[in-house]
C-alpha cells in the first residue's frame, strides 16, 4: 500500500472513530511508529486532525478541506462512474468548465481527445495532457492554492466574468437538499459562483459520500443546477428532480 492510500484510510478511520492510536495503526499497516507519526503530521498540517499523546483526534471543523492527495483516494470507483456518465453529455464543439477536483480529473481523462474548449483553473489537469489531446485548454490566471491545486483569487473571478461557457462541471464537498451545495473555502466558493454566472448549463458532480453534509461556504441552491450527477450508492430516500444516478 502506498502512502496516499494509507493516509486516506487513516483519515477515514478518524472520521468513523474520531480518534486513532499510533501503535495500533503501525500494527495494522505493518509500518514503523515514525511512519504513522508522519502520516498524522500530514493530516494535522491540513487541519484535519489534532495530534495527541500516542495518537490523534479528528478535527470536525466545517472550514477545513482535505488535500488533493487525500481526496484522490476517496470513492474512486464511484467518481469514475460519475465521470463516465458526465462524458456522454459533452459533444465536439462544446465549451466547458472543469472544476478543481478528483471527479473532474477523471472526466478530463475521458474527454481530452474531443474537439472541445476546456476552461479550467485546475493546474493538475496539465499533467494528463498528451499527444492525443485535441481539446483546446484555456487556463485561468490567479494565485495558486496548494490544497485544491487550483488558481483561486480575484483575478480568477474577473477572468471567468469575461466568458460565456456552454456547460460547467462543478465539484463540491457538501450537498444538502435544504442548505444547498457547499465547500470549506470561501475563495473557492466565490470562483465557483462566478463560473455558474457565466455558464449556460450547470452540472454538479458529487458521489454519495457528499450528501447530507454542510460546509462553511455555500455555492448555490440545489435548484440552481440543471443536473446533479451521483453514483448508484446514494440512499434512495434522498430524492430531487435534478439528481441523476450514473449507470
C-alpha atoms as a PDB file:
ATOM      1  CA  UNK A   1       0.000   0.000   0.000  1.00  0.00           C
ATOM      2  CA  UNK A   2       1.355   3.425  -0.920  1.00  0.00           C
ATOM      3  CA  UNK A   3       1.479   6.489   1.316  1.00  0.00           C
ATOM      4  CA  UNK A   4      -1.525   8.191  -0.301  1.00  0.00           C
ATOM      5  CA  UNK A   5      -3.824   5.203   0.194  1.00  0.00           C
ATOM      6  CA  UNK A   6      -2.661   4.646   3.778  1.00  0.00           C
ATOM      7  CA  UNK A   7      -3.259   8.280   4.748  1.00  0.00           C
ATOM      8  CA  UNK A   8      -6.672   8.181   3.128  1.00  0.00           C
ATOM      9  CA  UNK A   9      -7.597   5.075   5.130  1.00  0.00           C
ATOM     10  CA  UNK A  10      -6.320   6.665   8.354  1.00  0.00           C
ATOM     11  CA  UNK A  11      -8.431   9.747   7.636  1.00  0.00           C
ATOM     12  CA  UNK A  12     -11.485   7.541   7.000  1.00  0.00           C
ATOM     13  CA  UNK A  13     -10.857   5.749  10.310  1.00  0.00           C
ATOM     14  CA  UNK A  14     -10.593   9.121  12.048  1.00  0.00           C
ATOM     15  CA  UNK A  15     -13.933  10.200  10.601  1.00  0.00           C
ATOM     16  CA  UNK A  16     -15.515   6.989  11.854  1.00  0.00           C
ATOM     17  CA  UNK A  17     -13.883   6.574  15.287  1.00  0.00           C
ATOM     18  CA  UNK A  18     -12.951  10.240  15.995  1.00  0.00           C
ATOM     19  CA  UNK A  19      -9.574   9.096  17.373  1.00  0.00           C
ATOM     20  CA  UNK A  20      -6.671   6.819  16.373  1.00  0.00           C
ATOM     21  CA  UNK A  21      -3.614   5.388  18.127  1.00  0.00           C
ATOM     22  CA  UNK A  22      -0.121   5.326  16.605  1.00  0.00           C
ATOM     23  CA  UNK A  23       0.732   1.859  17.936  1.00  0.00           C
ATOM     24  CA  UNK A  24      -2.494   0.342  16.617  1.00  0.00           C
ATOM     25  CA  UNK A  25      -2.068   1.868  13.151  1.00  0.00           C
ATOM     26  CA  UNK A  26       1.551   0.726  12.953  1.00  0.00           C
ATOM     27  CA  UNK A  27       0.408  -2.865  13.512  1.00  0.00           C
ATOM     28  CA  UNK A  28      -2.472  -2.629  11.024  1.00  0.00           C
ATOM     29  CA  UNK A  29      -0.268  -1.286   8.220  1.00  0.00           C
ATOM     30  CA  UNK A  30       2.932  -3.106   9.219  1.00  0.00           C
ATOM     31  CA  UNK A  31       4.981   0.092   9.215  1.00  0.00           C
ATOM     32  CA  UNK A  32       7.094   1.872  11.807  1.00  0.00           C
ATOM     33  CA  UNK A  33       5.765   4.182  14.507  1.00  0.00           C
ATOM     34  CA  UNK A  34       7.688   7.025  12.844  1.00  0.00           C
ATOM     35  CA  UNK A  35       5.887   6.413   9.538  1.00  0.00           C
ATOM     36  CA  UNK A  36       2.493   6.675  11.239  1.00  0.00           C
ATOM     37  CA  UNK A  37       3.584   9.821  13.072  1.00  0.00           C
ATOM     38  CA  UNK A  38       4.487  11.369   9.702  1.00  0.00           C
ATOM     39  CA  UNK A  39       1.051  10.379   8.385  1.00  0.00           C
ATOM     40  CA  UNK A  40      -0.609  12.088  11.345  1.00  0.00           C
ATOM     41  CA  UNK A  41       1.656  15.126  10.888  1.00  0.00           C
ATOM     42  CA  UNK A  42       0.354  15.389   7.317  1.00  0.00           C
ATOM     43  CA  UNK A  43      -3.282  15.238   8.454  1.00  0.00           C
ATOM     44  CA  UNK A  44      -2.630  17.795  11.201  1.00  0.00           C
ATOM     45  CA  UNK A  45      -0.924  20.174   8.746  1.00  0.00           C
ATOM     46  CA  UNK A  46      -4.073  20.038   6.614  1.00  0.00           C
ATOM     47  CA  UNK A  47      -6.219  20.898   9.628  1.00  0.00           C
ATOM     48  CA  UNK A  48      -7.940  17.509   9.528  1.00  0.00           C
ATOM     49  CA  UNK A  49      -6.613  16.136  12.821  1.00  0.00           C
ATOM     50  CA  UNK A  50      -5.051  17.229  16.093  1.00  0.00           C
ATOM     51  CA  UNK A  51      -2.182  15.130  17.381  1.00  0.00           C
ATOM     52  CA  UNK A  52      -2.360  13.940  20.963  1.00  0.00           C
ATOM     53  CA  UNK A  53      -0.133  11.762  23.115  1.00  0.00           C
ATOM     54  CA  UNK A  54       0.180   8.458  21.275  1.00  0.00           C
ATOM     55  CA  UNK A  55      -2.348   9.297  18.568  1.00  0.00           C
ATOM     56  CA  UNK A  56      -4.656  11.922  17.081  1.00  0.00           C
ATOM     57  CA  UNK A  57      -8.260  13.129  17.159  1.00  0.00           C
ATOM     58  CA  UNK A  58     -10.481  14.283  14.308  1.00  0.00           C
ATOM     59  CA  UNK A  59     -10.868  17.986  13.600  1.00  0.00           C
ATOM     60  CA  UNK A  60     -14.540  18.300  12.641  1.00  0.00           C
ATOM     61  CA  UNK A  61     -14.434  21.972  11.634  1.00  0.00           C
ATOM     62  CA  UNK A  62     -16.587  22.902   8.626  1.00  0.00           C
ATOM     63  CA  UNK A  63     -13.843  25.219   7.356  1.00  0.00           C
ATOM     64  CA  UNK A  64     -11.162  22.593   6.697  1.00  0.00           C
ATOM     65  CA  UNK A  65     -10.680  20.730   3.433  1.00  0.00           C
ATOM     66  CA  UNK A  66      -8.690  17.535   2.781  1.00  0.00           C
ATOM     67  CA  UNK A  67      -5.706  17.850   0.455  1.00  0.00           C
ATOM     68  CA  UNK A  68      -5.969  16.638  -3.120  1.00  0.00           C
ATOM     69  CA  UNK A  69      -3.799  13.698  -2.069  1.00  0.00           C
ATOM     70  CA  UNK A  70      -6.417  12.587   0.460  1.00  0.00           C
ATOM     71  CA  UNK A  71      -9.408  13.259  -1.802  1.00  0.00           C
ATOM     72  CA  UNK A  72      -7.832  11.287  -4.627  1.00  0.00           C
ATOM     73  CA  UNK A  73      -8.197   8.118  -2.569  1.00  0.00           C
ATOM     74  CA  UNK A  74     -11.872   8.654  -1.731  1.00  0.00           C
ATOM     75  CA  UNK A  75     -14.651   6.725  -3.546  1.00  0.00           C
ATOM     76  CA  UNK A  76     -12.507   6.158  -6.631  1.00  0.00           C
ATOM     77  CA  UNK A  77     -14.840   3.738  -8.419  1.00  0.00           C
ATOM     78  CA  UNK A  78     -17.851   5.981  -7.752  1.00  0.00           C
ATOM     79  CA  UNK A  79     -16.071   9.016  -9.196  1.00  0.00           C
ATOM     80  CA  UNK A  80     -15.150   7.093 -12.334  1.00  0.00           C
ATOM     81  CA  UNK A  81     -18.790   6.037 -12.700  1.00  0.00           C
ATOM     82  CA  UNK A  82     -19.902   9.665 -12.471  1.00  0.00           C
ATOM     83  CA  UNK A  83     -17.203  10.817 -14.902  1.00  0.00           C
ATOM     84  CA  UNK A  84     -18.191   8.219 -17.499  1.00  0.00           C
ATOM     85  CA  UNK A  85     -21.803   9.400 -17.389  1.00  0.00           C
ATOM     86  CA  UNK A  86     -20.800  13.078 -17.499  1.00  0.00           C
ATOM     87  CA  UNK A  87     -18.596  12.457 -20.541  1.00  0.00           C
ATOM     88  CA  UNK A  88     -21.679  11.468 -22.560  1.00  0.00           C
ATOM     89  CA  UNK A  89     -23.050  14.995 -22.076  1.00  0.00           C
ATOM     90  CA  UNK A  90     -20.122  16.588 -23.927  1.00  0.00           C
ATOM     91  CA  UNK A  91     -20.029  16.850 -27.718  1.00  0.00           C
ATOM     92  CA  UNK A  92     -17.461  18.179 -30.174  1.00  0.00           C
ATOM     93  CA  UNK A  93     -17.702  21.955 -30.374  1.00  0.00           C
ATOM     94  CA  UNK A  94     -18.763  22.433 -26.744  1.00  0.00           C
ATOM     95  CA  UNK A  95     -17.091  24.898 -24.436  1.00  0.00           C
ATOM     96  CA  UNK A  96     -16.963  23.529 -20.897  1.00  0.00           C
ATOM     97  CA  UNK A  97     -15.572  24.376 -17.487  1.00  0.00           C
ATOM     98  CA  UNK A  98     -13.819  21.720 -15.418  1.00  0.00           C
ATOM     99  CA  UNK A  99     -13.612  22.465 -11.717  1.00  0.00           C
ATOM    100  CA  UNK A 100     -10.787  21.587  -9.346  1.00  0.00           C
ATOM    101  CA  UNK A 101     -11.500  18.119  -8.003  1.00  0.00           C
ATOM    102  CA  UNK A 102     -10.793  14.441  -8.413  1.00  0.00           C
ATOM    103  CA  UNK A 103     -14.057  13.691 -10.257  1.00  0.00           C
ATOM    104  CA  UNK A 104     -13.311  16.473 -12.742  1.00  0.00           C
ATOM    105  CA  UNK A 105      -9.866  14.975 -13.255  1.00  0.00           C
ATOM    106  CA  UNK A 106     -11.479  11.625 -14.071  1.00  0.00           C
ATOM    107  CA  UNK A 107     -13.775  13.434 -16.506  1.00  0.00           C
ATOM    108  CA  UNK A 108     -10.839  15.161 -18.211  1.00  0.00           C
ATOM    109  CA  UNK A 109      -9.162  11.796 -18.837  1.00  0.00           C
ATOM    110  CA  UNK A 110     -12.256  10.743 -20.804  1.00  0.00           C
ATOM    111  CA  UNK A 111     -12.826  13.869 -22.902  1.00  0.00           C
ATOM    112  CA  UNK A 112      -9.466  15.493 -23.675  1.00  0.00           C
ATOM    113  CA  UNK A 113      -9.407  13.723 -27.061  1.00  0.00           C
ATOM    114  CA  UNK A 114     -12.614  15.523 -28.128  1.00  0.00           C
ATOM    115  CA  UNK A 115     -12.613  18.714 -30.198  1.00  0.00           C
ATOM    116  CA  UNK A 116     -13.855  20.970 -27.424  1.00  0.00           C
ATOM    117  CA  UNK A 117     -12.721  24.015 -25.475  1.00  0.00           C
ATOM    118  CA  UNK A 118     -11.946  23.423 -21.804  1.00  0.00           C
ATOM    119  CA  UNK A 119     -11.805  26.329 -19.379  1.00  0.00           C
ATOM    120  CA  UNK A 120     -10.254  25.489 -16.035  1.00  0.00           C
ATOM    121  CA  UNK A 121      -8.318  26.853 -13.084  1.00  0.00           C
ATOM    122  CA  UNK A 122      -7.228  23.332 -12.073  1.00  0.00           C
ATOM    123  CA  UNK A 123      -3.478  23.032 -12.656  1.00  0.00           C
ATOM    124  CA  UNK A 124      -3.431  19.272 -12.007  1.00  0.00           C
ATOM    125  CA  UNK A 125      -5.140  18.716 -15.367  1.00  0.00           C
ATOM    126  CA  UNK A 126      -1.997  19.715 -17.253  1.00  0.00           C
ATOM    127  CA  UNK A 127      -0.236  16.582 -16.002  1.00  0.00           C
ATOM    128  CA  UNK A 128      -2.637  14.496 -18.113  1.00  0.00           C
ATOM    129  CA  UNK A 129      -2.276  16.348 -21.408  1.00  0.00           C
ATOM    130  CA  UNK A 130      -0.629  14.159 -24.055  1.00  0.00           C
ATOM    131  CA  UNK A 131      -0.195  13.900 -27.829  1.00  0.00           C
ATOM    132  CA  UNK A 132      -3.757  12.564 -28.170  1.00  0.00           C
ATOM    133  CA  UNK A 133      -5.232  15.694 -26.583  1.00  0.00           C
ATOM    134  CA  UNK A 134      -7.376  17.532 -29.135  1.00  0.00           C
ATOM    135  CA  UNK A 135      -9.166  19.830 -26.698  1.00  0.00           C
ATOM    136  CA  UNK A 136      -8.220  23.490 -26.557  1.00  0.00           C
ATOM    137  CA  UNK A 137      -7.339  24.161 -22.923  1.00  0.00           C
ATOM    138  CA  UNK A 138      -7.631  27.680 -21.505  1.00  0.00           C
ATOM    139  CA  UNK A 139      -6.081  28.103 -18.061  1.00  0.00           C
ATOM    140  CA  UNK A 140      -7.428  30.822 -15.794  1.00  0.00           C
ATOM    141  CA  UNK A 141      -4.937  33.089 -14.014  1.00  0.00           C
ATOM    142  CA  UNK A 142      -4.751  33.562 -10.276  1.00  0.00           C
ATOM    143  CA  UNK A 143      -2.969  32.704  -7.066  1.00  0.00           C
ATOM    144  CA  UNK A 144      -2.159  29.010  -6.692  1.00  0.00           C
ATOM    145  CA  UNK A 145      -3.875  27.215  -3.802  1.00  0.00           C
ATOM    146  CA  UNK A 146      -1.865  24.129  -2.726  1.00  0.00           C
ATOM    147  CA  UNK A 147      -4.870  22.374  -1.140  1.00  0.00           C
ATOM    148  CA  UNK A 148      -7.083  22.447  -4.237  1.00  0.00           C
ATOM    149  CA  UNK A 149      -4.159  22.678  -6.705  1.00  0.00           C
ATOM    150  CA  UNK A 150      -6.052  25.447  -8.480  1.00  0.00           C
ATOM    151  CA  UNK A 151      -5.898  29.187  -9.128  1.00  0.00           C
ATOM    152  CA  UNK A 152      -8.201  30.943  -6.649  1.00  0.00           C
ATOM    153  CA  UNK A 153      -8.131  34.728  -6.412  1.00  0.00           C
ATOM    154  CA  UNK A 154      -9.831  37.920  -7.597  1.00  0.00           C
ATOM    155  CA  UNK A 155      -8.080  37.718 -10.973  1.00  0.00           C
ATOM    156  CA  UNK A 156      -9.559  34.214 -11.436  1.00  0.00           C
ATOM    157  CA  UNK A 157     -13.055  35.585 -10.838  1.00  0.00           C
ATOM    158  CA  UNK A 158     -12.521  38.505 -13.235  1.00  0.00           C
ATOM    159  CA  UNK A 159     -11.227  36.129 -15.906  1.00  0.00           C
ATOM    160  CA  UNK A 160     -14.371  33.982 -15.910  1.00  0.00           C
ATOM    161  CA  UNK A 161     -16.641  37.026 -15.908  1.00  0.00           C
ATOM    162  CA  UNK A 162     -15.404  37.750 -19.449  1.00  0.00           C
ATOM    163  CA  UNK A 163     -16.540  34.424 -20.937  1.00  0.00           C
ATOM    164  CA  UNK A 164     -19.735  32.534 -21.700  1.00  0.00           C
ATOM    165  CA  UNK A 165     -19.412  28.756 -21.269  1.00  0.00           C
ATOM    166  CA  UNK A 166     -21.802  26.091 -22.569  1.00  0.00           C
ATOM    167  CA  UNK A 167     -21.509  23.621 -19.680  1.00  0.00           C
ATOM    168  CA  UNK A 168     -19.916  23.953 -16.250  1.00  0.00           C
ATOM    169  CA  UNK A 169     -18.984  20.819 -14.309  1.00  0.00           C
ATOM    170  CA  UNK A 170     -18.711  21.700 -10.620  1.00  0.00           C
ATOM    171  CA  UNK A 171     -17.237  19.635  -7.768  1.00  0.00           C
ATOM    172  CA  UNK A 172     -18.372  20.077  -4.159  1.00  0.00           C
ATOM    173  CA  UNK A 173     -17.705  18.568  -0.734  1.00  0.00           C
ATOM    174  CA  UNK A 174     -21.146  19.049   0.784  1.00  0.00           C
ATOM    175  CA  UNK A 175     -24.648  18.686  -0.614  1.00  0.00           C
ATOM    176  CA  UNK A 176     -27.785  19.145   1.464  1.00  0.00           C
ATOM    177  CA  UNK A 177     -31.258  19.335  -0.089  1.00  0.00           C
ATOM    178  CA  UNK A 178     -32.254  22.272   2.126  1.00  0.00           C
ATOM    179  CA  UNK A 179     -28.963  24.131   2.590  1.00  0.00           C
ATOM    180  CA  UNK A 180     -27.573  23.613  -0.914  1.00  0.00           C
ATOM    181  CA  UNK A 181     -24.066  22.789  -2.140  1.00  0.00           C
ATOM    182  CA  UNK A 182     -21.029  23.946  -0.199  1.00  0.00           C
ATOM    183  CA  UNK A 183     -17.278  23.722   0.366  1.00  0.00           C
ATOM    184  CA  UNK A 184     -14.929  24.836   3.169  1.00  0.00           C
ATOM    185  CA  UNK A 185     -13.047  27.534   1.206  1.00  0.00           C
ATOM    186  CA  UNK A 186     -14.657  30.945   0.657  1.00  0.00           C
ATOM    187  CA  UNK A 187     -12.185  31.836  -2.114  1.00  0.00           C
ATOM    188  CA  UNK A 188     -13.062  28.624  -3.967  1.00  0.00           C
ATOM    189  CA  UNK A 189     -16.793  29.264  -3.482  1.00  0.00           C
ATOM    190  CA  UNK A 190     -16.520  32.771  -4.960  1.00  0.00           C
ATOM    191  CA  UNK A 191     -14.754  31.426  -8.052  1.00  0.00           C
ATOM    192  CA  UNK A 192     -17.404  28.725  -8.476  1.00  0.00           C
ATOM    193  CA  UNK A 193     -20.187  31.322  -8.184  1.00  0.00           C
ATOM    194  CA  UNK A 194     -18.577  33.422 -10.928  1.00  0.00           C
ATOM    195  CA  UNK A 195     -18.375  30.373 -13.182  1.00  0.00           C
ATOM    196  CA  UNK A 196     -22.019  29.452 -12.601  1.00  0.00           C
ATOM    197  CA  UNK A 197     -22.998  33.016 -13.534  1.00  0.00           C
ATOM    198  CA  UNK A 198     -21.032  32.656 -16.790  1.00  0.00           C
ATOM    199  CA  UNK A 199     -22.403  29.235 -17.780  1.00  0.00           C
ATOM    200  CA  UNK A 200     -25.478  28.054 -19.649  1.00  0.00           C
ATOM    201  CA  UNK A 201     -25.786  24.505 -18.273  1.00  0.00           C
ATOM    202  CA  UNK A 202     -24.780  23.997 -14.647  1.00  0.00           C
ATOM    203  CA  UNK A 203     -23.866  20.427 -13.684  1.00  0.00           C
ATOM    204  CA  UNK A 204     -22.815  19.324 -10.203  1.00  0.00           C
ATOM    205  CA  UNK A 205     -20.873  16.077  -9.743  1.00  0.00           C
ATOM    206  CA  UNK A 206     -20.983  14.589  -6.238  1.00  0.00           C
ATOM    207  CA  UNK A 207     -20.573  10.994  -5.094  1.00  0.00           C
ATOM    208  CA  UNK A 208     -22.895   9.613  -2.406  1.00  0.00           C
ATOM    209  CA  UNK A 209     -20.495  10.435   0.458  1.00  0.00           C
ATOM    210  CA  UNK A 210     -21.007  14.185  -0.143  1.00  0.00           C
ATOM    211  CA  UNK A 211     -24.753  14.159   0.608  1.00  0.00           C
ATOM    212  CA  UNK A 212     -26.261  15.373   3.899  1.00  0.00           C
ATOM    213  CA  UNK A 213     -23.139  17.436   4.597  1.00  0.00           C
ATOM    214  CA  UNK A 214     -22.759  21.180   5.068  1.00  0.00           C
ATOM    215  CA  UNK A 215     -19.635  23.331   4.890  1.00  0.00           C
ATOM    216  CA  UNK A 216     -18.953  26.932   5.769  1.00  0.00           C
ATOM    217  CA  UNK A 217     -19.048  28.408   2.245  1.00  0.00           C
ATOM    218  CA  UNK A 218     -22.272  27.939   0.291  1.00  0.00           C
ATOM    219  CA  UNK A 219     -22.047  27.969  -3.505  1.00  0.00           C
ATOM    220  CA  UNK A 220     -25.660  27.665  -4.643  1.00  0.00           C
ATOM    221  CA  UNK A 221     -29.029  26.058  -4.011  1.00  0.00           C
ATOM    222  CA  UNK A 222     -29.862  22.617  -5.378  1.00  0.00           C
ATOM    223  CA  UNK A 223     -32.357  24.138  -7.824  1.00  0.00           C
ATOM    224  CA  UNK A 224     -29.644  26.367  -9.305  1.00  0.00           C
ATOM    225  CA  UNK A 225     -28.181  23.304 -11.035  1.00  0.00           C
ATOM    226  CA  UNK A 226     -29.649  21.743 -14.161  1.00  0.00           C
ATOM    227  CA  UNK A 227     -28.316  18.361 -13.107  1.00  0.00           C
ATOM    228  CA  UNK A 228     -26.645  16.713 -10.107  1.00  0.00           C
ATOM    229  CA  UNK A 229     -24.825  13.534 -11.100  1.00  0.00           C
ATOM    230  CA  UNK A 230     -24.105  10.995  -8.378  1.00  0.00           C
ATOM    231  CA  UNK A 231     -23.439   7.263  -8.126  1.00  0.00           C
ATOM    232  CA  UNK A 232     -25.774   4.338  -7.527  1.00  0.00           C
ATOM    233  CA  UNK A 233     -24.860   4.093  -3.836  1.00  0.00           C
ATOM    234  CA  UNK A 234     -26.888   7.177  -2.931  1.00  0.00           C
ATOM    235  CA  UNK A 235     -29.604   6.374  -0.389  1.00  0.00           C
ATOM    236  CA  UNK A 236     -32.978   6.032  -2.143  1.00  0.00           C
ATOM    237  CA  UNK A 237     -34.571   8.277   0.490  1.00  0.00           C
ATOM    238  CA  UNK A 238     -32.589  11.256  -0.877  1.00  0.00           C
ATOM    239  CA  UNK A 239     -34.657  12.459  -3.807  1.00  0.00           C
ATOM    240  CA  UNK A 240     -34.760  15.555  -6.006  1.00  0.00           C
ATOM    241  CA  UNK A 241     -35.832  16.005  -9.603  1.00  0.00           C
ATOM    242  CA  UNK A 242     -32.348  17.232 -10.582  1.00  0.00           C
ATOM    243  CA  UNK A 243     -30.480  14.243  -9.100  1.00  0.00           C
ATOM    244  CA  UNK A 244     -29.383  11.615 -11.619  1.00  0.00           C
ATOM    245  CA  UNK A 245     -27.650   8.383 -10.659  1.00  0.00           C
ATOM    246  CA  UNK A 246     -24.907   7.390 -13.077  1.00  0.00           C
ATOM    247  CA  UNK A 247     -25.280   3.923 -14.549  1.00  0.00           C
END
